[in-house]
Amino acid sequence: LAMLVAAGLPTTDLTAQSWPHFLVGRDGAALLGAVGLEPHDH
């Protein structure tokens, strides 16, 4: 959320149920990037 807000990207519809649909990039424990997938139909 902090990264998305800092980048000016939308966050108001994201909830705890959203995070399993995200992938993150890390360097050790540091979170360096993220991307989400919102599935719709098959």
Full PDB file with SEQRES, HELIX, SHEET, SSBOND, CRYST1, ORIGX, SCALE, CONECT and MASTER records, all heavy atoms in Angstrom:
SEQRES   1 A   42  LEU ALA MET LEU VAL ALA ALA GLY LEU PRO THR THR ASP          
SEQRES   2 A   42  LEU THR ALA GLN SER TRP PRO HIS PHE LEU VAL GLY ARG          
SEQRES   3 A   42  ASP GLY ALA ALA LEU LEU GLY ALA VAL GLY LEU GLU PRO          
SEQRES   4 A   42  HIS ASP HIS                                                  
HELIX    1 AA1 ALA A    2  ALA A    6  1                                   5    
HELIX    2 AA2 TRP A   19  HIS A   21  5                                   3    
SHEET    1 AA1 2 PHE A  22  ASP A  27  0                                        
SHEET    2 AA1 2 ALA A  30  GLY A  36 -1                                        
CRYST1    1.000    1.000    1.000  90.00  90.00  90.00 P 1           1          
ORIGX1      1.000000  0.000000  0.000000        0.00000                         
ORIGX2      0.000000  1.000000  0.000000        0.00000                         
ORIGX3      0.000000  0.000000  1.000000        0.00000                         
SCALE1      1.000000  0.000000  0.000000        0.00000                         
SCALE2      0.000000  1.000000  0.000000        0.00000                         
SCALE3      0.000000  0.000000  1.000000        0.00000                         
ATOM      1  N   LEU A   1       0.828  -1.215   0.000  1.00  0.00           N  
ATOM      2  CA  LEU A   1       0.000   0.000   0.000  1.00  0.00           C  
ATOM      3  C   LEU A   1       0.858   1.258   0.000  1.00  0.00           C  
ATOM      4  O   LEU A   1       0.583   2.205  -0.741  1.00  0.00           O  
ATOM      5  CB  LEU A   1      -0.937   0.019   1.212  1.00  0.00           C  
ATOM      6  CG  LEU A   1      -2.219  -0.766   1.085  1.00  0.00           C  
ATOM      7  CD1 LEU A   1      -2.986  -0.758   2.402  1.00  0.00           C  
ATOM      8  CD2 LEU A   1      -3.089  -0.217  -0.038  1.00  0.00           C  
ATOM      9  N   ALA A   2       1.886   1.273   0.829  1.00  0.00           N  
ATOM     10  CA  ALA A   2       2.758   2.451   0.899  1.00  0.00           C  
ATOM     11  C   ALA A   2       3.423   2.718  -0.447  1.00  0.00           C  
ATOM     12  O   ALA A   2       3.516   3.876  -0.884  1.00  0.00           O  
ATOM     13  CB  ALA A   2       3.809   2.264   1.996  1.00  0.00           C  
ATOM     14  N   MET A   3       3.883   1.666  -1.122  1.00  0.00           N  
ATOM     15  CA  MET A   3       4.514   1.836  -2.434  1.00  0.00           C  
ATOM     16  C   MET A   3       3.511   2.357  -3.457  1.00  0.00           C  
ATOM     17  O   MET A   3       3.830   3.234  -4.262  1.00  0.00           O  
ATOM     18  CB  MET A   3       5.114   0.514  -2.922  1.00  0.00           C  
ATOM     19  CG  MET A   3       6.323   0.067  -2.140  1.00  0.00           C  
ATOM     20  SD  MET A   3       7.018  -1.455  -2.829  1.00  0.00           S  
ATOM     21  CE  MET A   3       7.859  -0.767  -4.256  1.00  0.00           C  
ATOM     22  N   LEU A   4       2.295   1.806  -3.439  1.00  0.00           N  
ATOM     23  CA  LEU A   4       1.266   2.231  -4.391  1.00  0.00           C  
ATOM     24  C   LEU A   4       0.877   3.684  -4.164  1.00  0.00           C  
ATOM     25  O   LEU A   4       0.751   4.456  -5.122  1.00  0.00           O  
ATOM     26  CB  LEU A   4       0.040   1.323  -4.295  1.00  0.00           C  
ATOM     27  CG  LEU A   4       0.256  -0.140  -4.672  1.00  0.00           C  
ATOM     28  CD1 LEU A   4      -1.000  -0.952  -4.395  1.00  0.00           C  
ATOM     29  CD2 LEU A   4       0.679  -0.274  -6.126  1.00  0.00           C  
ATOM     30  N   VAL A   5       0.701   4.063  -2.909  1.00  0.00           N  
ATOM     31  CA  VAL A   5       0.350   5.452  -2.588  1.00  0.00           C  
ATOM     32  C   VAL A   5       1.466   6.391  -3.042  1.00  0.00           C  
ATOM     33  O   VAL A   5       1.211   7.425  -3.666  1.00  0.00           O  
ATOM     34  CB  VAL A   5       0.041   5.610  -1.085  1.00  0.00           C  
ATOM     35  CG1 VAL A   5      -0.032   7.072  -0.687  1.00  0.00           C  
ATOM     36  CG2 VAL A   5      -1.265   4.896  -0.735  1.00  0.00           C  
ATOM     37  N   ALA A   6       2.709   6.025  -2.751  1.00  0.00           N  
ATOM     38  CA  ALA A   6       3.854   6.865  -3.139  1.00  0.00           C  
ATOM     39  C   ALA A   6       3.929   7.036  -4.649  1.00  0.00           C  
ATOM     40  O   ALA A   6       4.355   8.085  -5.138  1.00  0.00           O  
ATOM     41  CB  ALA A   6       5.156   6.272  -2.601  1.00  0.00           C  
ATOM     42  N   ALA A   7       3.486   6.012  -5.393  1.00  0.00           N  
ATOM     43  CA  ALA A   7       3.524   6.070  -6.858  1.00  0.00           C  
ATOM     44  C   ALA A   7       2.258   6.688  -7.448  1.00  0.00           C  
ATOM     45  O   ALA A   7       2.144   6.815  -8.669  1.00  0.00           O  
ATOM     46  CB  ALA A   7       3.723   4.663  -7.421  1.00  0.00           C  
ATOM     47  N   GLY A   8       1.305   7.046  -6.599  1.00  0.00           N  
ATOM     48  CA  GLY A   8       0.074   7.652  -7.084  1.00  0.00           C  
ATOM     49  C   GLY A   8      -0.874   6.669  -7.750  1.00  0.00           C  
ATOM     50  O   GLY A   8      -1.697   7.054  -8.578  1.00  0.00           O  
ATOM     51  N   LEU A   9      -0.779   5.390  -7.387  1.00  0.00           N  
ATOM     52  CA  LEU A   9      -1.631   4.358  -7.977  1.00  0.00           C  
ATOM     53  C   LEU A   9      -2.844   4.100  -7.088  1.00  0.00           C  
ATOM     54  O   LEU A   9      -2.793   4.312  -5.877  1.00  0.00           O  
ATOM     55  CB  LEU A   9      -0.823   3.072  -8.189  1.00  0.00           C  
ATOM     56  CG  LEU A   9       0.308   3.209  -9.211  1.00  0.00           C  
ATOM     57  CD1 LEU A   9       1.201   1.985  -9.197  1.00  0.00           C  
ATOM     58  CD2 LEU A   9      -0.253   3.459 -10.600  1.00  0.00           C  
ATOM     59  N   PRO A  10      -3.952   3.624  -7.668  1.00  0.00           N  
ATOM     60  CA  PRO A  10      -5.179   3.435  -6.887  1.00  0.00           C  
ATOM     61  C   PRO A  10      -5.060   2.333  -5.842  1.00  0.00           C  
ATOM     62  O   PRO A  10      -4.458   1.288  -6.085  1.00  0.00           O  
ATOM     63  CB  PRO A  10      -6.227   3.065  -7.941  1.00  0.00           C  
ATOM     64  CG  PRO A  10      -5.502   2.758  -9.187  1.00  0.00           C  
ATOM     65  CD  PRO A  10      -4.123   3.304  -9.082  1.00  0.00           C  
ATOM     66  N   THR A  11      -5.650   2.600  -4.672  1.00  0.00           N  
ATOM     67  CA  THR A  11      -5.588   1.636  -3.573  1.00  0.00           C  
ATOM     68  C   THR A  11      -6.918   1.452  -2.855  1.00  0.00           C  
ATOM     69  O   THR A  11      -7.044   0.508  -2.074  1.00  0.00           O  
ATOM     70  CB  THR A  11      -4.557   2.074  -2.514  1.00  0.00           C  
ATOM     71  OG1 THR A  11      -4.961   3.341  -1.980  1.00  0.00           O  
ATOM     72  CG2 THR A  11      -3.161   2.171  -3.089  1.00  0.00           C  
ATOM     73  N   THR A  12      -7.884   2.318  -3.085  1.00  0.00           N  
ATOM     74  CA  THR A  12      -9.081   2.325  -2.240  1.00  0.00           C  
ATOM     75  C   THR A  12      -9.881   1.032  -2.292  1.00  0.00           C  
ATOM     76  O   THR A  12     -10.605   0.731  -1.351  1.00  0.00           O  
ATOM     77  CB  THR A  12     -10.008   3.507  -2.586  1.00  0.00           C  
ATOM     78  OG1 THR A  12     -10.354   3.438  -3.965  1.00  0.00           O  
ATOM     79  CG2 THR A  12      -9.332   4.832  -2.286  1.00  0.00           C  
ATOM     80  N   ASP A  13      -9.761   0.269  -3.340  1.00  0.00           N  
ATOM     81  CA  ASP A  13     -10.518  -0.982  -3.434  1.00  0.00           C  
ATOM     82  C   ASP A  13      -9.718  -2.193  -2.976  1.00  0.00           C  
ATOM     83  O   ASP A  13     -10.236  -3.312  -2.987  1.00  0.00           O  
ATOM     84  CB  ASP A  13     -11.033  -1.197  -4.859  1.00  0.00           C  
ATOM     85  CG  ASP A  13      -9.909  -1.366  -5.866  1.00  0.00           C  
ATOM     86  OD1 ASP A  13      -8.834  -0.758  -5.683  1.00  0.00           O  
ATOM     87  OD2 ASP A  13     -10.112  -2.102  -6.844  1.00  0.00           O  
ATOM     88  N   LEU A  14      -8.476  -2.008  -2.559  1.00  0.00           N  
ATOM     89  CA  LEU A  14      -7.650  -3.134  -2.121  1.00  0.00           C  
ATOM     90  C   LEU A  14      -7.937  -3.466  -0.661  1.00  0.00           C  
ATOM     91  O   LEU A  14      -8.052  -2.580   0.178  1.00  0.00           O  
ATOM     92  CB  LEU A  14      -6.168  -2.816  -2.314  1.00  0.00           C  
ATOM     93  CG  LEU A  14      -5.737  -2.586  -3.760  1.00  0.00           C  
ATOM     94  CD1 LEU A  14      -4.275  -2.161  -3.815  1.00  0.00           C  
ATOM     95  CD2 LEU A  14      -5.974  -3.820  -4.605  1.00  0.00           C  
ATOM     96  N   THR A  15      -8.041  -4.770  -0.383  1.00  0.00           N  
ATOM     97  CA  THR A  15      -8.311  -5.259   0.967  1.00  0.00           C  
ATOM     98  C   THR A  15      -7.332  -6.378   1.283  1.00  0.00           C  
ATOM     99  O   THR A  15      -6.527  -6.774   0.434  1.00  0.00           O  
ATOM    100  CB  THR A  15      -9.749  -5.815   1.061  1.00  0.00           C  
ATOM    101  OG1 THR A  15      -9.838  -6.989   0.248  1.00  0.00           O  
ATOM    102  CG2 THR A  15     -10.786  -4.784   0.614  1.00  0.00           C  
ATOM    103  N   ALA A  16      -7.449  -6.926   2.482  1.00  0.00           N  
ATOM    104  CA  ALA A  16      -6.587  -8.047   2.868  1.00  0.00           C  
ATOM    105  C   ALA A  16      -6.756  -9.223   1.911  1.00  0.00           C  
ATOM    106  O   ALA A  16      -5.821  -9.993   1.702  1.00  0.00           O  
ATOM    107  CB  ALA A  16      -6.895  -8.474   4.302  1.00  0.00           C  
ATOM    108  N   GLN A  17      -7.936  -9.361   1.305  1.00  0.00           N  
ATOM    109  CA  GLN A  17      -8.166 -10.445   0.354  1.00  0.00           C  
ATOM    110  C   GLN A  17      -7.457 -10.202  -0.978  1.00  0.00           C  
ATOM    111  O   GLN A  17      -7.351 -11.108  -1.802  1.00  0.00           O  
ATOM    112  CB  GLN A  17      -9.671 -10.631   0.098  1.00  0.00           C  
ATOM    113  CG  GLN A  17     -10.415 -11.241   1.276  1.00  0.00           C  
ATOM    114  CD  GLN A  17     -10.617 -10.250   2.421  1.00  0.00           C  
ATOM    115  OE1 GLN A  17     -10.846  -9.066   2.200  1.00  0.00           O  
ATOM    116  NE2 GLN A  17     -10.513 -10.724   3.645  1.00  0.00           N  
ATOM    117  N   SER A  18      -6.960  -8.994  -1.210  1.00  0.00           N  
ATOM    118  CA  SER A  18      -6.257  -8.671  -2.452  1.00  0.00           C  
ATOM    119  C   SER A  18      -4.836  -9.219  -2.471  1.00  0.00           C  
ATOM    120  O   SER A  18      -4.325  -9.584  -3.532  1.00  0.00           O  
ATOM    121  CB  SER A  18      -6.180  -7.155  -2.652  1.00  0.00           C  
ATOM    122  OG  SER A  18      -7.459  -6.562  -2.657  1.00  0.00           O  
ATOM    123  N   TRP A  19      -4.187  -9.274  -1.318  1.00  0.00           N  
ATOM    124  CA  TRP A  19      -2.752  -9.572  -1.281  1.00  0.00           C  
ATOM    125  C   TRP A  19      -2.382 -10.941  -1.838  1.00  0.00           C  
ATOM    126  O   TRP A  19      -1.328 -11.070  -2.469  1.00  0.00           O  
ATOM    127  CB  TRP A  19      -2.183  -9.358   0.126  1.00  0.00           C  
ATOM    128  CG  TRP A  19      -2.538  -8.006   0.661  1.00  0.00           C  
ATOM    129  CD1 TRP A  19      -3.047  -7.711   1.890  1.00  0.00           C  
ATOM    130  CD2 TRP A  19      -2.454  -6.742  -0.023  1.00  0.00           C  
ATOM    131  NE1 TRP A  19      -3.294  -6.356   2.001  1.00  0.00           N  
ATOM    132  CE2 TRP A  19      -2.935  -5.736   0.845  1.00  0.00           C  
ATOM    133  CE3 TRP A  19      -2.039  -6.350  -1.296  1.00  0.00           C  
ATOM    134  CZ2 TRP A  19      -2.995  -4.397   0.503  1.00  0.00           C  
ATOM    135  CZ3 TRP A  19      -2.108  -5.010  -1.658  1.00  0.00           C  
ATOM    136  CH2 TRP A  19      -2.575  -4.052  -0.764  1.00  0.00           C  
ATOM    137  N   PRO A  20      -3.186 -11.984  -1.670  1.00  0.00           N  
ATOM    138  CA  PRO A  20      -2.805 -13.265  -2.287  1.00  0.00           C  
ATOM    139  C   PRO A  20      -2.762 -13.221  -3.819  1.00  0.00           C  
ATOM    140  O   PRO A  20      -2.188 -14.107  -4.438  1.00  0.00           O  
ATOM    141  CB  PRO A  20      -3.893 -14.230  -1.796  1.00  0.00           C  
ATOM    142  CG  PRO A  20      -4.386 -13.628  -0.531  1.00  0.00           C  
ATOM    143  CD  PRO A  20      -4.323 -12.146  -0.758  1.00  0.00           C  
ATOM    144  N   HIS A  21      -3.341 -12.190  -4.411  1.00  0.00           N  
ATOM    145  CA  HIS A  21      -3.318 -12.035  -5.862  1.00  0.00           C  
ATOM    146  C   HIS A  21      -2.152 -11.158  -6.323  1.00  0.00           C  
ATOM    147  O   HIS A  21      -2.070 -10.799  -7.501  1.00  0.00           O  
ATOM    148  CB  HIS A  21      -4.637 -11.432  -6.360  1.00  0.00           C  
ATOM    149  CG  HIS A  21      -5.817 -12.303  -6.075  1.00  0.00           C  
ATOM    150  ND1 HIS A  21      -6.092 -13.440  -6.807  1.00  0.00           N  
ATOM    151  CD2 HIS A  21      -6.760 -12.229  -5.109  1.00  0.00           C  
ATOM    152  CE1 HIS A  21      -7.179 -14.008  -6.314  1.00  0.00           C  
ATOM    153  NE2 HIS A  21      -7.600 -13.297  -5.285  1.00  0.00           N  
ATOM    154  N   PHE A  22      -1.265 -10.801  -5.407  1.00  0.00           N  
ATOM    155  CA  PHE A  22      -0.098  -9.984  -5.729  1.00  0.00           C  
ATOM    156  C   PHE A  22       1.161 -10.834  -5.686  1.00  0.00           C  
ATOM    157  O   PHE A  22       1.266 -11.782  -4.917  1.00  0.00           O  
ATOM    158  CB  PHE A  22       0.061  -8.835  -4.719  1.00  0.00           C  
ATOM    159  CG  PHE A  22      -0.688  -7.586  -5.080  1.00  0.00           C  
ATOM    160  CD1 PHE A  22      -2.065  -7.521  -4.957  1.00  0.00           C  
ATOM    161  CD2 PHE A  22      -0.022  -6.478  -5.556  1.00  0.00           C  
ATOM    162  CE1 PHE A  22      -2.767  -6.381  -5.290  1.00  0.00           C  
ATOM    163  CE2 PHE A  22      -0.706  -5.324  -5.898  1.00  0.00           C  
ATOM    164  CZ  PHE A  22      -2.081  -5.273  -5.760  1.00  0.00           C  
ATOM    165  N   LEU A  23       2.122 -10.453  -6.518  1.00  0.00           N  
ATOM    166  CA  LEU A  23       3.480 -10.968  -6.438  1.00  0.00           C  
ATOM    167  C   LEU A  23       4.358  -9.814  -5.984  1.00  0.00           C  
ATOM    168  O   LEU A  23       4.083  -8.652  -6.304  1.00  0.00           O  
ATOM    169  CB  LEU A  23       3.959 -11.468  -7.804  1.00  0.00           C  
ATOM    170  CG  LEU A  23       3.201 -12.646  -8.403  1.00  0.00           C  
ATOM    171  CD1 LEU A  23       3.745 -12.966  -9.794  1.00  0.00           C  
ATOM    172  CD2 LEU A  23       3.285 -13.863  -7.503  1.00  0.00           C  
ATOM    173  N   VAL A  24       5.400 -10.130  -5.263  1.00  0.00           N  
ATOM    174  CA  VAL A  24       6.320  -9.099  -4.784  1.00  0.00           C  
ATOM    175  C   VAL A  24       7.747  -9.450  -5.172  1.00  0.00           C  
ATOM    176  O   VAL A  24       8.101 -10.618  -5.300  1.00  0.00           O  
ATOM    177  CB  VAL A  24       6.212  -8.897  -3.256  1.00  0.00           C  
ATOM    178  CG1 VAL A  24       4.852  -8.317  -2.886  1.00  0.00           C  
ATOM    179  CG2 VAL A  24       6.465 -10.191  -2.501  1.00  0.00           C  
ATOM    180  N   GLY A  25       8.543  -8.413  -5.355  1.00  0.00           N  
ATOM    181  CA  GLY A  25       9.970  -8.566  -5.594  1.00  0.00           C  
ATOM    182  C   GLY A  25      10.712  -8.148  -4.345  1.00  0.00           C  
ATOM    183  O   GLY A  25      10.391  -7.112  -3.754  1.00  0.00           O  
ATOM    184  N   ARG A  26      11.669  -8.957  -3.951  1.00  0.00           N  
ATOM    185  CA  ARG A  26      12.406  -8.695  -2.717  1.00  0.00           C  
ATOM    186  C   ARG A  26      13.911  -8.771  -2.946  1.00  0.00           C  
ATOM    187  O   ARG A  26      14.379  -9.480  -3.813  1.00  0.00           O  
ATOM    188  CB  ARG A  26      12.070  -9.741  -1.659  1.00  0.00           C  
ATOM    189  CG  ARG A  26      10.638  -9.871  -1.278  1.00  0.00           C  
ATOM    190  CD  ARG A  26      10.468 -10.962  -0.201  1.00  0.00           C  
ATOM    191  NE  ARG A  26       9.096 -11.376  -0.058  1.00  0.00           N  
ATOM    192  CZ  ARG A  26       8.178 -10.728   0.636  1.00  0.00           C  
ATOM    193  NH1 ARG A  26       8.494  -9.624   1.250  1.00  0.00           N  
ATOM    194  NH2 ARG A  26       6.947 -11.185   0.721  1.00  0.00           N  
ATOM    195  N   ASP A  27      14.591  -8.051  -2.102  1.00  0.00           N  
ATOM    196  CA  ASP A  27      16.025  -8.207  -1.935  1.00  0.00           C  
ATOM    197  C   ASP A  27      16.202  -8.487  -0.457  1.00  0.00           C  
ATOM    198  O   ASP A  27      16.125  -7.560   0.361  1.00  0.00           O  
ATOM    199  CB  ASP A  27      16.768  -6.956  -2.367  1.00  0.00           C  
ATOM    200  CG  ASP A  27      18.277  -7.131  -2.331  1.00  0.00           C  
ATOM    201  OD1 ASP A  27      18.749  -8.238  -2.003  1.00  0.00           O  
ATOM    202  OD2 ASP A  27      18.986  -6.156  -2.627  1.00  0.00           O  
ATOM    203  N   GLY A  28      16.351  -9.744  -0.106  1.00  0.00           N  
ATOM    204  CA  GLY A  28      16.336 -10.128   1.308  1.00  0.00           C  
ATOM    205  C   GLY A  28      14.946  -9.872   1.864  1.00  0.00           C  
ATOM    206  O   GLY A  28      13.949 -10.290   1.292  1.00  0.00           O  
ATOM    207  N   ALA A  29      14.877  -9.125   2.950  1.00  0.00           N  
ATOM    208  CA  ALA A  29      13.582  -8.819   3.572  1.00  0.00           C  
ATOM    209  C   ALA A  29      12.944  -7.566   2.975  1.00  0.00           C  
ATOM    210  O   ALA A  29      11.783  -7.288   3.231  1.00  0.00           O  
ATOM    211  CB  ALA A  29      13.753  -8.642   5.069  1.00  0.00           C  
ATOM    212  N   ALA A  30      13.690  -6.817   2.186  1.00  0.00           N  
ATOM    213  CA  ALA A  30      13.192  -5.550   1.653  1.00  0.00           C  
ATOM    214  C   ALA A  30      12.248  -5.778   0.473  1.00  0.00           C  
ATOM    215  O   ALA A  30      12.609  -6.439  -0.496  1.00  0.00           O  
ATOM    216  CB  ALA A  30      14.353  -4.661   1.223  1.00  0.00           C  
ATOM    217  N   LEU A  31      11.065  -5.215   0.568  1.00  0.00           N  
ATOM    218  CA  LEU A  31      10.093  -5.271  -0.520  1.00  0.00           C  
ATOM    219  C   LEU A  31      10.436  -4.162  -1.513  1.00  0.00           C  
ATOM    220  O   LEU A  31      10.480  -2.990  -1.140  1.00  0.00           O  
ATOM    221  CB  LEU A  31       8.678  -5.078   0.021  1.00  0.00           C  
ATOM    222  CG  LEU A  31       7.580  -5.294  -0.992  1.00  0.00           C  
ATOM    223  CD1 LEU A  31       7.249  -6.779  -1.068  1.00  0.00           C  
ATOM    224  CD2 LEU A  31       6.353  -4.518  -0.601  1.00  0.00           C  
ATOM    225  N   LEU A  32      10.722  -4.547  -2.760  1.00  0.00           N  
ATOM    226  CA  LEU A  32      11.170  -3.585  -3.759  1.00  0.00           C  
ATOM    227  C   LEU A  32      10.170  -3.353  -4.885  1.00  0.00           C  
ATOM    228  O   LEU A  32      10.327  -2.413  -5.662  1.00  0.00           O  
ATOM    229  CB  LEU A  32      12.500  -4.035  -4.357  1.00  0.00           C  
ATOM    230  CG  LEU A  32      13.648  -4.200  -3.370  1.00  0.00           C  
ATOM    231  CD1 LEU A  32      14.881  -4.739  -4.087  1.00  0.00           C  
ATOM    232  CD2 LEU A  32      13.954  -2.889  -2.673  1.00  0.00           C  
ATOM    233  N   GLY A  33       9.178  -4.211  -4.994  1.00  0.00           N  
ATOM    234  CA  GLY A  33       8.202  -4.048  -6.062  1.00  0.00           C  
ATOM    235  C   GLY A  33       7.035  -4.981  -5.869  1.00  0.00           C  
ATOM    236  O   GLY A  33       7.092  -5.919  -5.071  1.00  0.00           O  
ATOM    237  N   ALA A  34       5.952  -4.689  -6.597  1.00  0.00           N  
ATOM    238  CA  ALA A  34       4.752  -5.523  -6.491  1.00  0.00           C  
ATOM    239  C   ALA A  34       3.921  -5.377  -7.758  1.00  0.00           C  
ATOM    240  O   ALA A  34       4.008  -4.374  -8.474  1.00  0.00           O  
ATOM    241  CB  ALA A  34       3.924  -5.108  -5.275  1.00  0.00           C  
ATOM    242  N   VAL A  35       3.120  -6.400  -8.009  1.00  0.00           N  
ATOM    243  CA  VAL A  35       2.161  -6.373  -9.113  1.00  0.00           C  
ATOM    244  C   VAL A  35       1.004  -7.278  -8.725  1.00  0.00           C  
ATOM    245  O   VAL A  35       1.198  -8.312  -8.094  1.00  0.00           O  
ATOM    246  CB  VAL A  35       2.791  -6.816 -10.455  1.00  0.00           C  
ATOM    247  CG1 VAL A  35       3.261  -8.259 -10.406  1.00  0.00           C  
ATOM    248  CG2 VAL A  35       1.837  -6.581 -11.612  1.00  0.00           C  
ATOM    249  N   GLY A  36      -0.201  -6.862  -9.102  1.00  0.00           N  
ATOM    250  CA  GLY A  36      -1.378  -7.649  -8.763  1.00  0.00           C  
ATOM    251  C   GLY A  36      -2.115  -8.147  -9.988  1.00  0.00           C  
ATOM    252  O   GLY A  36      -1.972  -7.600 -11.088  1.00  0.00           O  
ATOM    253  N   LEU A  37      -2.900  -9.172  -9.771  1.00  0.00           N  
ATOM    254  CA  LEU A  37      -3.744  -9.746 -10.811  1.00  0.00           C  
ATOM    255  C   LEU A  37      -5.143  -9.875 -10.237  1.00  0.00           C  
ATOM    256  O   LEU A  37      -5.337 -10.533  -9.221  1.00  0.00           O  
ATOM    257  CB  LEU A  37      -3.231 -11.114 -11.240  1.00  0.00           C  
ATOM    258  CG  LEU A  37      -4.082 -11.865 -12.254  1.00  0.00           C  
ATOM    259  CD1 LEU A  37      -4.103 -11.132 -13.592  1.00  0.00           C  
ATOM    260  CD2 LEU A  37      -3.552 -13.280 -12.439  1.00  0.00           C  
ATOM    261  N   GLU A  38      -6.084  -9.225 -10.886  1.00  0.00           N  
ATOM    262  CA  GLU A  38      -7.478  -9.318 -10.472  1.00  0.00           C  
ATOM    263  C   GLU A  38      -8.177 -10.229 -11.476  1.00  0.00           C  
ATOM    264  O   GLU A  38      -8.434  -9.826 -12.608  1.00  0.00           O  
ATOM    265  CB  GLU A  38      -8.076  -7.910 -10.486  1.00  0.00           C  
ATOM    266  CG  GLU A  38      -9.368  -7.756  -9.766  1.00  0.00           C  
ATOM    267  CD  GLU A  38      -9.803  -6.298  -9.728  1.00  0.00           C  
ATOM    268  OE1 GLU A  38      -9.043  -5.447  -9.208  1.00  0.00           O  
ATOM    269  OE2 GLU A  38     -10.900  -6.014 -10.229  1.00  0.00           O  
ATOM    270  N   PRO A  39      -8.447 -11.486 -11.095  1.00  0.00           N  
ATOM    271  CA  PRO A  39      -9.060 -12.423 -12.049  1.00  0.00           C  
ATOM    272  C   PRO A  39     -10.543 -12.116 -12.273  1.00  0.00           C  
ATOM    273  O   PRO A  39     -11.259 -11.776 -11.337  1.00  0.00           O  
ATOM    274  CB  PRO A  39      -8.891 -13.786 -11.391  1.00  0.00           C  
ATOM    275  CG  PRO A  39      -8.479 -13.542  -9.992  1.00  0.00           C  
ATOM    276  CD  PRO A  39      -8.130 -12.112  -9.830  1.00  0.00           C  
ATOM    277  N   HIS A  40     -10.964 -12.244 -13.525  1.00  0.00           N  
ATOM    278  CA  HIS A  40     -12.370 -12.056 -13.895  1.00  0.00           C  
ATOM    279  C   HIS A  40     -12.736 -13.117 -14.908  1.00  0.00           C  
ATOM    280  O   HIS A  40     -12.113 -13.202 -15.951  1.00  0.00           O  
ATOM    281  CB  HIS A  40     -12.608 -10.661 -14.467  1.00  0.00           C  
ATOM    282  CG  HIS A  40     -12.419  -9.606 -13.436  1.00  0.00           C  
ATOM    283  ND1 HIS A  40     -13.378  -9.283 -12.517  1.00  0.00           N  
ATOM    284  CD2 HIS A  40     -11.340  -8.842 -13.131  1.00  0.00           C  
ATOM    285  CE1 HIS A  40     -12.925  -8.346 -11.706  1.00  0.00           C  
ATOM    286  NE2 HIS A  40     -11.688  -8.069 -12.055  1.00  0.00           N  
ATOM    287  N   ASP A  41     -13.719 -13.886 -14.623  1.00  0.00           N  
ATOM    288  CA  ASP A  41     -14.129 -15.075 -15.365  1.00  0.00           C  
ATOM    289  C   ASP A  41     -12.901 -15.925 -15.663  1.00  0.00           C  
ATOM    290  O   ASP A  41     -11.850 -15.727 -15.068  1.00  0.00           O  
ATOM    291  CB  ASP A  41     -15.011 -14.761 -16.583  1.00  0.00           C  
ATOM    292  CG  ASP A  41     -14.288 -14.105 -17.760  1.00  0.00           C  
ATOM    293  OD1 ASP A  41     -13.129 -14.444 -18.024  1.00  0.00           O  
ATOM    294  OD2 ASP A  41     -14.906 -13.266 -18.434  1.00  0.00           O  
ATOM    295  N   HIS A  42     -12.999 -16.868 -16.548  1.00  0.00           N  
ATOM    296  CA  HIS A  42     -11.864 -17.770 -16.772  1.00  0.00           C  
ATOM    297  C   HIS A  42     -10.921 -17.287 -17.859  1.00  0.00           C  
ATOM    298  O   HIS A  42      -9.895 -17.908 -18.097  1.00  0.00           O  
ATOM    299  CB  HIS A  42     -12.359 -19.178 -17.120  1.00  0.00           C  
ATOM    300  CG  HIS A  42     -13.101 -19.820 -16.001  1.00  0.00           C  
ATOM    301  ND1 HIS A  42     -12.526 -20.107 -14.793  1.00  0.00           N  
ATOM    302  CD2 HIS A  42     -14.396 -20.200 -15.902  1.00  0.00           C  
ATOM    303  CE1 HIS A  42     -13.423 -20.645 -13.988  1.00  0.00           C  
ATOM    304  NE2 HIS A  42     -14.553 -20.719 -14.633  1.00  0.00           N  
TER     305      HIS A  42                                                      
MASTER        0    0    0    2    2    0    0    6  304    1    0    4          
END                                                                             
